[in-house]
PDB file of N, CA and C in Angstrom:
ATOM      1  N   MET A   1     -10.855  16.555  -1.008  1.00  0.00           N
ATOM      2  CA  MET A   1     -10.875  15.757   0.069  1.00  0.00           C
ATOM      3  C   MET A   1     -12.209  15.221   0.311  1.00  0.00           C
ATOM      4  N   LYS A   2     -13.240  16.231   0.376  1.00  0.00           N
ATOM      5  CA  LYS A   2     -14.627  15.988   0.416  1.00  0.00           C
ATOM      6  C   LYS A   2     -14.943  14.677  -0.783  1.00  0.00           C
ATOM      7  N   TRP A   3     -14.514  14.800  -1.831  1.00  0.00           N
ATOM      8  CA  TRP A   3     -15.143  13.877  -2.881  1.00  0.00           C
ATOM      9  C   TRP A   3     -14.508  12.427  -2.905  1.00  0.00           C
ATOM     10  N   TYR A   4     -13.298  12.672  -2.567  1.00  0.00           N
ATOM     11  CA  TYR A   4     -12.662  11.324  -2.456  1.00  0.00           C
ATOM     12  C   TYR A   4     -13.004  10.606  -1.032  1.00  0.00           C
ATOM     13  N   ARG A   5     -13.095  11.219  -0.085  1.00  0.00           N
ATOM     14  CA  ARG A   5     -13.881  10.567   1.062  1.00  0.00           C
ATOM     15  C   ARG A   5     -15.347  10.125   0.693  1.00  0.00           C
ATOM     16  N   LEU A   6     -16.172  10.816  -0.023  1.00  0.00           N
ATOM     17  CA  LEU A   6     -17.163  10.477  -0.297  1.00  0.00           C
ATOM     18  C   LEU A   6     -17.357   9.084  -1.263  1.00  0.00           C
ATOM     19  N   ALA A   7     -16.295   8.916  -2.296  1.00  0.00           N
ATOM     20  CA  ALA A   7     -16.348   8.116  -3.287  1.00  0.00           C
ATOM     21  C   ALA A   7     -15.531   6.782  -2.680  1.00  0.00           C
ATOM     22  N   ALA A   8     -14.613   6.925  -1.668  1.00  0.00           N
ATOM     23  CA  ALA A   8     -13.736   5.827  -0.890  1.00  0.00           C
ATOM     24  C   ALA A   8     -14.917   5.136  -0.195  1.00  0.00           C
ATOM     25  N   LYS A   9     -15.832   5.929   0.646  1.00  0.00           N
ATOM     26  CA  LYS A   9     -16.865   5.165   1.604  1.00  0.00           C
ATOM     27  C   LYS A   9     -17.736   4.374   0.708  1.00  0.00           C
ATOM     28  N   GLN A  10     -17.933   4.721  -0.601  1.00  0.00           N
ATOM     29  CA  GLN A  10     -18.752   3.900  -1.417  1.00  0.00           C
ATOM     30  C   GLN A  10     -17.845   2.854  -2.178  1.00  0.00           C
ATOM     31  N   GLY A  11     -16.573   2.547  -1.779  1.00  0.00           N
ATOM     32  CA  GLY A  11     -15.643   1.553  -2.507  1.00  0.00           C
ATOM     33  C   GLY A  11     -15.239   1.638  -3.543  1.00  0.00           C
ATOM     34  N   ILE A  12     -14.985   2.972  -3.962  1.00  0.00           N
ATOM     35  CA  ILE A  12     -14.068   2.988  -5.202  1.00  0.00           C
ATOM     36  C   ILE A  12     -12.702   2.769  -4.705  1.00  0.00           C
ATOM     37  N   ALA A  13     -11.951   1.763  -5.492  1.00  0.00           N
ATOM     38  CA  ALA A  13     -10.776   1.879  -5.008  1.00  0.00           C
ATOM     39  C   ALA A  13      -9.552   2.733  -5.240  1.00  0.00           C
ATOM     40  N   SER A  14      -9.882   3.445  -6.223  1.00  0.00           N
ATOM     41  CA  SER A  14      -8.804   4.649  -6.755  1.00  0.00           C
ATOM     42  C   SER A  14      -8.979   5.766  -5.704  1.00  0.00           C
ATOM     43  N   ALA A  15      -9.978   6.307  -5.115  1.00  0.00           N
ATOM     44  CA  ALA A  15     -10.489   6.832  -4.195  1.00  0.00           C
ATOM     45  C   ALA A  15      -9.789   6.614  -3.066  1.00  0.00           C
ATOM     46  N   GLN A  16      -9.747   5.350  -2.409  1.00  0.00           N
ATOM     47  CA  GLN A  16      -9.396   4.865  -1.303  1.00  0.00           C
ATOM     48  C   GLN A  16      -8.067   4.929  -1.310  1.00  0.00           C
ATOM     49  N   TYR A  17      -7.202   4.638  -2.539  1.00  0.00           N
ATOM     50  CA  TYR A  17      -5.718   4.723  -2.640  1.00  0.00           C
ATOM     51  C   TYR A  17      -5.475   6.138  -2.415  1.00  0.00           C
ATOM     52  N   ASN A  18      -6.033   6.986  -3.030  1.00  0.00           N
ATOM     53  CA  ASN A  18      -5.530   8.530  -2.933  1.00  0.00           C
ATOM     54  C   ASN A  18      -5.806   9.031  -1.603  1.00  0.00           C
ATOM     55  N   LEU A  19      -6.862   8.599  -0.800  1.00  0.00           N
ATOM     56  CA  LEU A  19      -6.830   8.788   0.420  1.00  0.00           C
ATOM     57  C   LEU A  19      -5.665   8.431   1.447  1.00  0.00           C
ATOM     58  N   GLY A  20      -5.369   7.345   1.243  1.00  0.00           N
ATOM     59  CA  GLY A  20      -4.077   6.768   1.555  1.00  0.00           C
ATOM     60  C   GLY A  20      -3.154   7.549   1.415  1.00  0.00           C
ATOM     61  N   LEU A  21      -2.743   7.895   0.330  1.00  0.00           N
ATOM     62  CA  LEU A  21      -1.655   8.789  -0.168  1.00  0.00           C
ATOM     63  C   LEU A  21      -1.600   9.999   0.490  1.00  0.00           C
ATOM     64  N   MET A  22      -2.585  10.583   0.769  1.00  0.00           N
ATOM     65  CA  MET A  22      -3.130  11.861   1.518  1.00  0.00           C
ATOM     66  C   MET A  22      -2.702  11.791   2.902  1.00  0.00           C
ATOM     67  N   TYR A  23      -3.294  10.786   3.674  1.00  0.00           N
ATOM     68  CA  TYR A  23      -2.774  10.466   5.096  1.00  0.00           C
ATOM     69  C   TYR A  23      -1.479  10.034   5.199  1.00  0.00           C
ATOM     70  N   GLN A  24      -0.866   9.491   4.027  1.00  0.00           N
ATOM     71  CA  GLN A  24       0.669   9.058   4.343  1.00  0.00           C
ATOM     72  C   GLN A  24       1.482  10.308   4.159  1.00  0.00           C
ATOM     73  N   LYS A  25       1.197  11.257   3.291  1.00  0.00           N
ATOM     74  CA  LYS A  25       1.874  12.258   3.321  1.00  0.00           C
ATOM     75  C   LYS A  25       1.358  13.384   4.067  1.00  0.00           C
ATOM     76  N   GLY A  26       0.516  13.366   4.744  1.00  0.00           N
ATOM     77  CA  GLY A  26      -0.271  14.811   5.126  1.00  0.00           C
ATOM     78  C   GLY A  26      -0.392  15.756   4.476  1.00  0.00           C
ATOM     79  N   ARG A  27      -1.185  15.596   3.242  1.00  0.00           N
ATOM     80  CA  ARG A  27      -1.483  16.334   1.955  1.00  0.00           C
ATOM     81  C   ARG A  27      -3.243  16.966   2.354  1.00  0.00           C
ATOM     82  N   GLY A  28      -3.453  17.990   2.875  1.00  0.00           N
ATOM     83  CA  GLY A  28      -4.622  18.336   3.213  1.00  0.00           C
ATOM     84  C   GLY A  28      -5.493  17.583   4.754  1.00  0.00           C
ATOM     85  N   VAL A  29      -4.594  16.889   5.109  1.00  0.00           N
ATOM     86  CA  VAL A  29      -5.056  16.260   6.338  1.00  0.00           C
ATOM     87  C   VAL A  29      -3.903  15.989   7.419  1.00  0.00           C
ATOM     88  N   PRO A  30      -4.070  15.568   8.318  1.00  0.00           N
ATOM     89  CA  PRO A  30      -3.181  15.425   9.405  1.00  0.00           C
ATOM     90  C   PRO A  30      -2.471  14.236   9.116  1.00  0.00           C
ATOM     91  N   ARG A  31      -1.141  14.069   8.836  1.00  0.00           N
ATOM     92  CA  ARG A  31      -0.306  12.884   8.684  1.00  0.00           C
ATOM     93  C   ARG A  31      -0.417  11.805   9.508  1.00  0.00           C
ATOM     94  N   SER A  32      -0.818  10.755   9.048  1.00  0.00           N
ATOM     95  CA  SER A  32      -1.614   9.517   9.895  1.00  0.00           C
ATOM     96  C   SER A  32      -0.985   8.177   9.189  1.00  0.00           C
ATOM     97  N   GLN A  33      -0.113   7.589   9.673  1.00  0.00           N
ATOM     98  CA  GLN A  33       0.183   6.313   8.710  1.00  0.00           C
ATOM     99  C   GLN A  33      -0.596   5.211   8.783  1.00  0.00           C
ATOM    100  N   LYS A  34      -1.360   5.040  10.243  1.00  0.00           N
ATOM    101  CA  LYS A  34      -2.092   4.112  10.448  1.00  0.00           C
ATOM    102  C   LYS A  34      -3.698   4.272   9.531  1.00  0.00           C
ATOM    103  N   THR A  35      -3.993   5.578   9.398  1.00  0.00           N
ATOM    104  CA  THR A  35      -5.184   5.879   8.643  1.00  0.00           C
ATOM    105  C   THR A  35      -4.597   5.423   6.959  1.00  0.00           C
ATOM    106  N   ALA A  36      -3.676   5.835   6.659  1.00  0.00           N
ATOM    107  CA  ALA A  36      -3.217   5.535   5.157  1.00  0.00           C
ATOM    108  C   ALA A  36      -3.238   3.862   5.319  1.00  0.00           C
ATOM    109  N   VAL A  37      -2.645   3.337   6.270  1.00  0.00           N
ATOM    110  CA  VAL A  37      -2.652   1.859   5.951  1.00  0.00           C
ATOM    111  C   VAL A  37      -4.251   1.376   5.691  1.00  0.00           C
ATOM    112  N   LYS A  38      -5.208   1.924   6.603  1.00  0.00           N
ATOM    113  CA  LYS A  38      -6.615   1.386   6.487  1.00  0.00           C
ATOM    114  C   LYS A  38      -7.149   1.759   5.072  1.00  0.00           C
ATOM    115  N   TRP A  39      -6.717   3.007   4.366  1.00  0.00           N
ATOM    116  CA  TRP A  39      -7.241   3.173   3.231  1.00  0.00           C
ATOM    117  C   TRP A  39      -6.595   2.325   1.992  1.00  0.00           C
ATOM    118  N   TYR A  40      -5.319   2.376   2.337  1.00  0.00           N
ATOM    119  CA  TYR A  40      -4.605   1.548   1.441  1.00  0.00           C
ATOM    120  C   TYR A  40      -5.236   0.071   1.250  1.00  0.00           C
ATOM    121  N   ARG A  41      -5.293  -0.524   2.578  1.00  0.00           N
ATOM    122  CA  ARG A  41      -5.829  -1.810   2.529  1.00  0.00           C
ATOM    123  C   ARG A  41      -7.147  -2.258   1.780  1.00  0.00           C
ATOM    124  N   LEU A  42      -8.137  -1.306   2.120  1.00  0.00           N
ATOM    125  CA  LEU A  42      -9.410  -1.480   1.535  1.00  0.00           C
ATOM    126  C   LEU A  42      -9.217  -1.392  -0.195  1.00  0.00           C
ATOM    127  N   ALA A  43      -8.315  -0.449  -0.624  1.00  0.00           N
ATOM    128  CA  ALA A  43      -7.938  -0.413  -2.010  1.00  0.00           C
ATOM    129  C   ALA A  43      -7.284  -1.914  -2.412  1.00  0.00           C
ATOM    130  N   ALA A  44      -6.088  -1.948  -1.796  1.00  0.00           N
ATOM    131  CA  ALA A  44      -5.388  -3.429  -1.982  1.00  0.00           C
ATOM    132  C   ALA A  44      -6.258  -4.499  -2.280  1.00  0.00           C
ATOM    133  N   GLU A  45      -7.068  -4.678  -1.029  1.00  0.00           N
ATOM    134  CA  GLU A  45      -8.280  -5.971  -1.052  1.00  0.00           C
ATOM    135  C   GLU A  45      -9.090  -6.095  -2.161  1.00  0.00           C
ATOM    136  N   GLN A  46      -9.027  -4.944  -3.045  1.00  0.00           N
ATOM    137  CA  GLN A  46      -9.763  -4.898  -4.307  1.00  0.00           C
ATOM    138  C   GLN A  46      -9.211  -5.320  -5.833  1.00  0.00           C
ATOM    139  N   GLY A  47      -7.658  -5.344  -5.195  1.00  0.00           N
ATOM    140  CA  GLY A  47      -6.896  -5.592  -6.319  1.00  0.00           C
ATOM    141  C   GLY A  47      -6.164  -4.486  -7.057  1.00  0.00           C
ATOM    142  N   PHE A  48      -6.172  -3.282  -6.229  1.00  0.00           N
ATOM    143  CA  PHE A  48      -5.373  -2.030  -6.757  1.00  0.00           C
ATOM    144  C   PHE A  48      -4.087  -2.022  -6.588  1.00  0.00           C
ATOM    145  N   ALA A  49      -3.231  -2.304  -7.619  1.00  0.00           N
ATOM    146  CA  ALA A  49      -1.793  -2.651  -7.769  1.00  0.00           C
ATOM    147  C   ALA A  49      -0.972  -1.817  -6.869  1.00  0.00           C
ATOM    148  N   ASP A  50      -1.173  -0.491  -7.162  1.00  0.00           N
ATOM    149  CA  ASP A  50      -0.595   0.780  -6.440  1.00  0.00           C
ATOM    150  C   ASP A  50      -0.719   0.682  -4.897  1.00  0.00           C
ATOM    151  N   ALA A  51      -1.917   0.507  -4.620  1.00  0.00           N
ATOM    152  CA  ALA A  51      -2.156   0.200  -2.998  1.00  0.00           C
ATOM    153  C   ALA A  51      -1.579  -1.012  -2.453  1.00  0.00           C
ATOM    154  N   GLN A  52      -1.369  -2.040  -3.395  1.00  0.00           N
ATOM    155  CA  GLN A  52      -0.687  -3.244  -2.724  1.00  0.00           C
ATOM    156  C   GLN A  52       0.864  -2.968  -2.685  1.00  0.00           C
ATOM    157  N   TYR A  53       1.304  -2.418  -3.801  1.00  0.00           N
ATOM    158  CA  TYR A  53       2.680  -1.779  -3.601  1.00  0.00           C
ATOM    159  C   TYR A  53       3.038  -1.231  -2.405  1.00  0.00           C
ATOM    160  N   ASN A  54       2.387  -0.190  -2.157  1.00  0.00           N
ATOM    161  CA  ASN A  54       2.519   0.644  -0.912  1.00  0.00           C
ATOM    162  C   ASN A  54       2.370   0.186   0.188  1.00  0.00           C
ATOM    163  N   LEU A  55       1.304  -1.157   0.465  1.00  0.00           N
ATOM    164  CA  LEU A  55       1.368  -1.736   1.569  1.00  0.00           C
ATOM    165  C   LEU A  55       2.801  -2.404   1.802  1.00  0.00           C
ATOM    166  N   GLY A  56       3.050  -3.055   0.867  1.00  0.00           N
ATOM    167  CA  GLY A  56       4.332  -3.778   0.652  1.00  0.00           C
ATOM    168  C   GLY A  56       5.302  -2.774   1.505  1.00  0.00           C
ATOM    169  N   LEU A  57       5.585  -1.915   0.737  1.00  0.00           N
ATOM    170  CA  LEU A  57       6.573  -0.764   1.209  1.00  0.00           C
ATOM    171  C   LEU A  57       6.176  -0.473   2.961  1.00  0.00           C
ATOM    172  N   ILE A  58       5.305  -0.265   3.170  1.00  0.00           N
ATOM    173  CA  ILE A  58       4.791   0.122   4.546  1.00  0.00           C
ATOM    174  C   ILE A  58       5.284  -1.112   5.608  1.00  0.00           C
ATOM    175  N   TYR A  59       5.313  -2.327   5.016  1.00  0.00           N
ATOM    176  CA  TYR A  59       5.234  -3.580   5.848  1.00  0.00           C
ATOM    177  C   TYR A  59       6.871  -3.489   5.901  1.00  0.00           C
ATOM    178  N   ARG A  60       7.558  -3.482   4.947  1.00  0.00           N
ATOM    179  CA  ARG A  60       8.915  -3.945   4.537  1.00  0.00           C
ATOM    180  C   ARG A  60       9.673  -3.080   5.613  1.00  0.00           C
ATOM    181  N   ASN A  61       9.297  -1.596   5.599  1.00  0.00           N
ATOM    182  CA  ASN A  61       9.954  -0.819   6.513  1.00  0.00           C
ATOM    183  C   ASN A  61       9.428  -0.484   7.851  1.00  0.00           C
ATOM    184  N   GLY A  62       8.259  -1.016   8.033  1.00  0.00           N
ATOM    185  CA  GLY A  62       7.703  -0.953   9.513  1.00  0.00           C
ATOM    186  C   GLY A  62       7.445   0.544   9.740  1.00  0.00           C
ATOM    187  N   GLN A  63       6.755   1.180   8.820  1.00  0.00           N
ATOM    188  CA  GLN A  63       6.346   2.576   8.873  1.00  0.00           C
ATOM    189  C   GLN A  63       4.677   2.555   9.631  1.00  0.00           C
ATOM    190  N   GLY A  64       4.786   2.728  10.582  1.00  0.00           N
ATOM    191  CA  GLY A  64       3.288   2.666  11.435  1.00  0.00           C
ATOM    192  C   GLY A  64       2.907   1.171  11.880  1.00  0.00           C
ATOM    193  N   VAL A  65       3.281   0.357  11.362  1.00  0.00           N
ATOM    194  CA  VAL A  65       3.283  -1.094  11.656  1.00  0.00           C
ATOM    195  C   VAL A  65       4.413  -1.889  11.899  1.00  0.00           C
ATOM    196  N   PRO A  66       4.262  -3.098  12.644  1.00  0.00           N
ATOM    197  CA  PRO A  66       5.433  -3.981  12.888  1.00  0.00           C
ATOM    198  C   PRO A  66       5.985  -4.264  11.565  1.00  0.00           C
ATOM    199  N   GLN A  67       7.478  -4.049  11.407  1.00  0.00           N
ATOM    200  CA  GLN A  67       7.827  -4.589  10.183  1.00  0.00           C
ATOM    201  C   GLN A  67       7.855  -6.258  10.095  1.00  0.00           C
ATOM    202  N   ASP A  68       7.262  -6.484   8.912  1.00  0.00           N
ATOM    203  CA  ASP A  68       6.962  -7.747   8.532  1.00  0.00           C
ATOM    204  C   ASP A  68       7.013  -8.324   6.987  1.00  0.00           C
ATOM    205  N   TYR A  69       8.166  -8.809   7.032  1.00  0.00           N
ATOM    206  CA  TYR A  69       8.673  -9.270   5.532  1.00  0.00           C
ATOM    207  C   TYR A  69       7.637 -10.205   4.856  1.00  0.00           C
ATOM    208  N   LYS A  70       7.219 -11.053   5.679  1.00  0.00           N
ATOM    209  CA  LYS A  70       6.160 -11.925   4.978  1.00  0.00           C
ATOM    210  C   LYS A  70       4.876 -11.146   4.488  1.00  0.00           C
ATOM    211  N   THR A  71       4.249 -10.215   5.141  1.00  0.00           N
ATOM    212  CA  THR A  71       3.287  -9.325   4.908  1.00  0.00           C
ATOM    213  C   THR A  71       3.764  -8.668   3.621  1.00  0.00           C
ATOM    214  N   ALA A  72       4.980  -8.108   3.589  1.00  0.00           N
ATOM    215  CA  ALA A  72       5.491  -7.133   2.603  1.00  0.00           C
ATOM    216  C   ALA A  72       5.384  -8.105   1.198  1.00  0.00           C
ATOM    217  N   VAL A  73       6.076  -9.146   1.312  1.00  0.00           N
ATOM    218  CA  VAL A  73       6.307  -9.966   0.192  1.00  0.00           C
ATOM    219  C   VAL A  73       4.875 -10.129  -0.432  1.00  0.00           C
ATOM    220  N   LYS A  74       3.753 -10.652   0.497  1.00  0.00           N
ATOM    221  CA  LYS A  74       2.297 -10.847   0.134  1.00  0.00           C
ATOM    222  C   LYS A  74       2.119  -9.776  -0.939  1.00  0.00           C
ATOM    223  N   TRP A  75       2.097  -8.611  -0.368  1.00  0.00           N
ATOM    224  CA  TRP A  75       1.278  -7.221  -1.063  1.00  0.00           C
ATOM    225  C   TRP A  75       2.237  -7.064  -2.222  1.00  0.00           C
ATOM    226  N   TYR A  76       3.636  -7.204  -2.207  1.00  0.00           N
ATOM    227  CA  TYR A  76       4.385  -6.854  -3.341  1.00  0.00           C
ATOM    228  C   TYR A  76       3.891  -7.854  -4.505  1.00  0.00           C
ATOM    229  N   ARG A  77       3.808  -9.230  -4.282  1.00  0.00           N
ATOM    230  CA  ARG A  77       3.814 -10.253  -5.078  1.00  0.00           C
ATOM    231  C   ARG A  77       2.197 -10.046  -5.956  1.00  0.00           C
ATOM    232  N   LEU A  78       1.202  -9.743  -5.189  1.00  0.00           N
ATOM    233  CA  LEU A  78       0.184  -9.494  -5.840  1.00  0.00           C
ATOM    234  C   LEU A  78       0.029  -8.109  -6.661  1.00  0.00           C
ATOM    235  N   SER A  79       0.982  -7.259  -6.080  1.00  0.00           N
ATOM    236  CA  SER A  79       1.096  -6.185  -7.238  1.00  0.00           C
ATOM    237  C   SER A  79       1.954  -6.490  -8.291  1.00  0.00           C
ATOM    238  N   ALA A  80       2.995  -7.317  -7.976  1.00  0.00           N
ATOM    239  CA  ALA A  80       3.909  -7.784  -9.013  1.00  0.00           C
ATOM    240  C   ALA A  80       3.013  -8.665 -10.408  1.00  0.00           C
ATOM    241  N   GLU A  81       2.315  -9.458  -9.810  1.00  0.00           N
ATOM    242  CA  GLU A  81       1.455 -10.307 -10.778  1.00  0.00           C
ATOM    243  C   GLU A  81       0.596  -9.145 -11.597  1.00  0.00           C
ATOM    244  N   GLN A  82       0.417  -8.359 -11.203  1.00  0.00           N
ATOM    245  CA  GLN A  82      -0.482  -7.019 -12.184  1.00  0.00           C
ATOM    246  C   GLN A  82       0.350  -6.209 -12.823  1.00  0.00           C
ATOM    247  N   GLY A  83       1.642  -6.685 -13.019  1.00  0.00           N
ATOM    248  CA  GLY A  83       2.458  -5.953 -13.667  1.00  0.00           C
ATOM    249  C   GLY A  83       3.289  -4.682 -13.169  1.00  0.00           C
ATOM    250  N   ASN A  84       3.198  -4.510 -12.055  1.00  0.00           N
ATOM    251  CA  ASN A  84       3.702  -3.370 -11.253  1.00  0.00           C
ATOM    252  C   ASN A  84       5.073  -3.710 -11.278  1.00  0.00           C
ATOM    253  N   SER A  85       5.976  -2.985 -12.093  1.00  0.00           N
ATOM    254  CA  SER A  85       7.354  -3.052 -12.240  1.00  0.00           C
ATOM    255  C   SER A  85       8.242  -2.991 -10.928  1.00  0.00           C
ATOM    256  N   TYR A  86       7.628  -1.877 -10.336  1.00  0.00           N
ATOM    257  CA  TYR A  86       8.259  -1.447  -8.805  1.00  0.00           C
ATOM    258  C   TYR A  86       8.323  -2.549  -7.828  1.00  0.00           C
ATOM    259  N   ALA A  87       7.036  -3.279  -7.942  1.00  0.00           N
ATOM    260  CA  ALA A  87       7.085  -4.412  -7.009  1.00  0.00           C
ATOM    261  C   ALA A  87       7.850  -5.611  -7.498  1.00  0.00           C
ATOM    262  N   GLN A  88       7.679  -5.625  -8.669  1.00  0.00           N
ATOM    263  CA  GLN A  88       8.689  -6.869  -9.066  1.00  0.00           C
ATOM    264  C   GLN A  88      10.063  -6.646  -8.976  1.00  0.00           C
ATOM    265  N   GLY A  89      10.604  -5.263  -9.335  1.00  0.00           N
ATOM    266  CA  GLY A  89      11.971  -4.917  -8.775  1.00  0.00           C
ATOM    267  C   GLY A  89      12.491  -5.033  -7.092  1.00  0.00           C
ATOM    268  N   THR A  90      11.526  -4.834  -6.358  1.00  0.00           N
ATOM    269  CA  THR A  90      11.556  -4.790  -5.075  1.00  0.00           C
ATOM    270  C   THR A  90      11.471  -6.595  -4.596  1.00  0.00           C
ATOM    271  N   LEU A  91      10.724  -7.334  -5.055  1.00  0.00           N
ATOM    272  CA  LEU A  91      10.823  -8.669  -4.868  1.00  0.00           C
ATOM    273  C   LEU A  91      12.169  -9.329  -5.092  1.00  0.00           C
ATOM    274  N   GLU A  92      12.505  -8.914  -6.314  1.00  0.00           N
ATOM    275  CA  GLU A  92      13.684  -9.423  -6.766  1.00  0.00           C
ATOM    276  C   GLU A  92      14.817  -9.093  -5.799  1.00  0.00           C
ATOM    277  N   ALA A  93      14.837  -7.764  -5.402  1.00  0.00           N
ATOM    278  CA  ALA A  93      15.875  -7.485  -4.461  1.00  0.00           C
ATOM    279  C   ALA A  93      15.483  -8.160  -3.093  1.00  0.00           C
ATOM    280  N   MET A  94      14.406  -8.387  -2.493  1.00  0.00           N
ATOM    281  CA  MET A  94      14.218  -9.008  -1.409  1.00  0.00           C
ATOM    282  C   MET A  94      14.590 -10.178  -1.336  1.00  0.00           C
ATOM    283  N   TYR A  95      14.247 -10.918  -2.577  1.00  0.00           N
ATOM    284  CA  TYR A  95      15.008 -12.531  -2.581  1.00  0.00           C
ATOM    285  C   TYR A  95      16.377 -12.377  -2.660  1.00  0.00           C
ATOM    286  N   ALA A  96      16.924 -11.497  -3.378  1.00  0.00           N
ATOM    287  CA  ALA A  96      18.424 -11.588  -3.260  1.00  0.00           C
ATOM    288  C   ALA A  96      19.238 -11.413  -2.497  1.00  0.00           C
ATOM    289  N   PHE A  97      18.643 -10.337  -1.289  1.00  0.00           N
ATOM    290  CA  PHE A  97      18.997 -10.171  -0.112  1.00  0.00           C
ATOM    291  C   PHE A  97      18.696 -11.078   0.989  1.00  0.00           C
ATOM    292  N   GLY A  98      17.810 -11.962   0.620  1.00  0.00           N
ATOM    293  CA  GLY A  98      17.262 -12.711   1.652  1.00  0.00           C
ATOM    294  C   GLY A  98      16.202 -12.485   2.679  1.00  0.00           C
ATOM    295  N   THR A  99      15.565 -11.399   2.533  1.00  0.00           N
ATOM    296  CA  THR A  99      14.624 -11.040   3.065  1.00  0.00           C
ATOM    297  C   THR A  99      13.009 -11.458   2.537  1.00  0.00           C
ATOM    298  N   GLY A 100      13.125 -11.950   1.526  1.00  0.00           N
ATOM    299  CA  GLY A 100      11.898 -12.408   0.620  1.00  0.00           C
ATOM    300  C   GLY A 100      11.308 -13.853   1.296  1.00  0.00           C
ATOM    301  N   LEU A 101      11.960 -14.251   2.347  1.00  0.00           N
ATOM    302  CA  LEU A 101      11.518 -15.654   2.897  1.00  0.00           C
ATOM    303  C   LEU A 101      11.215 -16.548   1.992  1.00  0.00           C
TER     304      LEU A 101
END
């Protein structure tokens, strides 16, 4: 945790993503969806595809944030454009069910 935090504060996207995972799942830290979103967003804004996908999930499901399909699609699309097959499949499903706006 110490090393992830130090690396994340230096702007290393993979460390920011891993901190997001740890907070989302409560691994070694108190579970906090709000803190997970903070770290995922920092990594996602640097183009980290897995963080973008996880933010899409969080916004689609309204986990610790208001449910927002438009924001979910934004993050899924960014991740999908980098080849993330989970994001691609989720976008396809959202469009098929009318939640992809």
